[in-house]
Amino acid sequence: MGFPHPIAIVATRNGREVILQKDLVYLAESGEMFVVPKGATSDGASIPQGLWTTGLTPHGEWFLAAILHDAGYRGQLRDRNGG
């Protein structure tokens, strides 16, 4: 479960926001599949810049979850289970 496929992203001019170059698929433990569509954008996790030097960065190990969250918040997340 989780993110079964590699992702393809490109950074934008501001150096923080990324644009998906292909769909990002997430498989939940329940068997549900969620898709963030190609072209969706994310600025990573919302972590104050003052904490970045501690290792807590917007693009850390939680980066894919942050993309999924941003897509859901922006109404871009698709449920491939008919929902």
Protein backbone atom coordinates (compact mmCIF):
# COMPACT_ATOMS: atom_id res chain seq x y z
CA MET A 1 0.00 0.00 0.00
CA GLY A 2 1.06 3.60 -0.27
CA PHE A 3 2.59 5.12 -3.39
CA PRO A 4 3.25 2.21 -5.80
CA HIS A 5 4.76 4.16 -8.68
CA PRO A 6 7.66 6.60 -8.95
CA ILE A 7 6.64 10.21 -9.37
CA ALA A 8 7.77 12.76 -11.91
CA ILE A 9 7.85 16.37 -10.76
CA VAL A 10 9.41 19.61 -11.88
CA ALA A 11 10.23 22.54 -9.63
CA THR A 12 8.80 25.93 -10.51
CA ARG A 13 10.65 29.22 -10.62
CA ASN A 14 10.04 29.98 -6.95
CA GLY A 15 12.10 26.92 -6.01
CA ARG A 16 9.51 25.47 -3.65
CA GLU A 17 6.38 24.65 -5.62
CA VAL A 18 6.38 21.53 -7.79
CA ILE A 19 4.19 20.43 -10.70
CA LEU A 20 3.35 16.77 -11.27
CA GLN A 21 4.42 15.56 -14.71
CA LYS A 22 2.27 12.42 -14.43
CA ASP A 23 -0.52 11.17 -12.16
CA LEU A 24 0.43 10.34 -8.57
CA VAL A 25 -1.39 7.23 -7.32
CA TYR A 26 -1.98 6.39 -3.66
CA LEU A 27 -3.32 2.99 -2.58
CA ALA A 28 -4.91 3.01 0.88
CA GLU A 29 -4.83 -0.04 3.16
CA SER A 30 -8.60 -0.28 2.64
CA GLY A 31 -7.96 -0.94 -1.05
CA GLU A 32 -9.15 2.50 -2.15
CA MET A 33 -7.14 4.21 -4.87
CA PHE A 34 -6.69 7.96 -4.98
CA VAL A 35 -5.10 9.88 -7.83
CA VAL A 36 -3.52 13.32 -7.92
CA PRO A 37 -3.70 14.29 -11.61
CA LYS A 38 -0.84 15.35 -13.82
CA GLY A 39 -0.44 19.14 -13.66
CA ALA A 40 -1.40 19.41 -9.99
CA THR A 41 0.86 21.62 -7.90
CA SER A 42 2.14 21.41 -4.33
CA ASP A 43 4.37 23.50 -2.12
CA GLY A 44 5.18 20.56 0.11
CA ALA A 45 4.51 20.40 3.83
CA SER A 46 3.64 23.59 5.68
CA ILE A 47 6.68 23.85 7.92
CA PRO A 48 7.92 27.26 9.13
CA GLN A 49 11.14 28.23 7.38
CA GLY A 50 12.88 28.73 10.71
CA LEU A 51 12.69 24.96 11.30
CA TRP A 52 14.18 23.93 7.94
CA THR A 53 17.71 23.91 9.37
CA THR A 54 16.61 21.24 11.88
CA GLY A 55 15.82 18.83 9.05
CA LEU A 56 12.09 19.53 9.00
CA THR A 57 11.73 20.71 5.41
CA PRO A 58 8.70 21.03 3.12
CA HIS A 59 10.15 18.29 0.90
CA GLY A 60 11.16 15.73 3.55
CA GLU A 61 10.06 12.13 3.90
CA TRP A 62 6.42 13.29 4.14
CA PHE A 63 6.55 15.06 0.76
CA LEU A 64 4.26 12.63 -1.09
CA ALA A 65 1.69 12.84 1.71
CA ALA A 66 1.89 16.64 1.43
CA ILE A 67 1.14 16.44 -2.32
CA LEU A 68 -1.87 14.21 -1.57
CA HIS A 69 -3.05 16.65 1.12
CA ASP A 70 -2.67 19.68 -1.14
CA ALA A 71 -4.64 17.98 -3.91
CA GLY A 72 -7.45 17.12 -1.50
CA TYR A 73 -7.53 20.65 -0.10
CA ARG A 74 -7.64 22.14 -3.62
CA GLY A 75 -10.33 19.74 -4.85
CA GLN A 76 -7.94 17.99 -7.28
CA LEU A 77 -7.88 14.55 -5.63
CA ARG A 78 -9.71 11.84 -7.58
CA ASP A 79 -11.14 8.65 -6.12
CA ARG A 80 -10.84 5.79 -8.61
CA ASN A 81 -13.43 3.76 -6.71
CA GLY A 82 -16.50 5.55 -7.98
CA GLY A 83 -16.56 8.12 -5.16
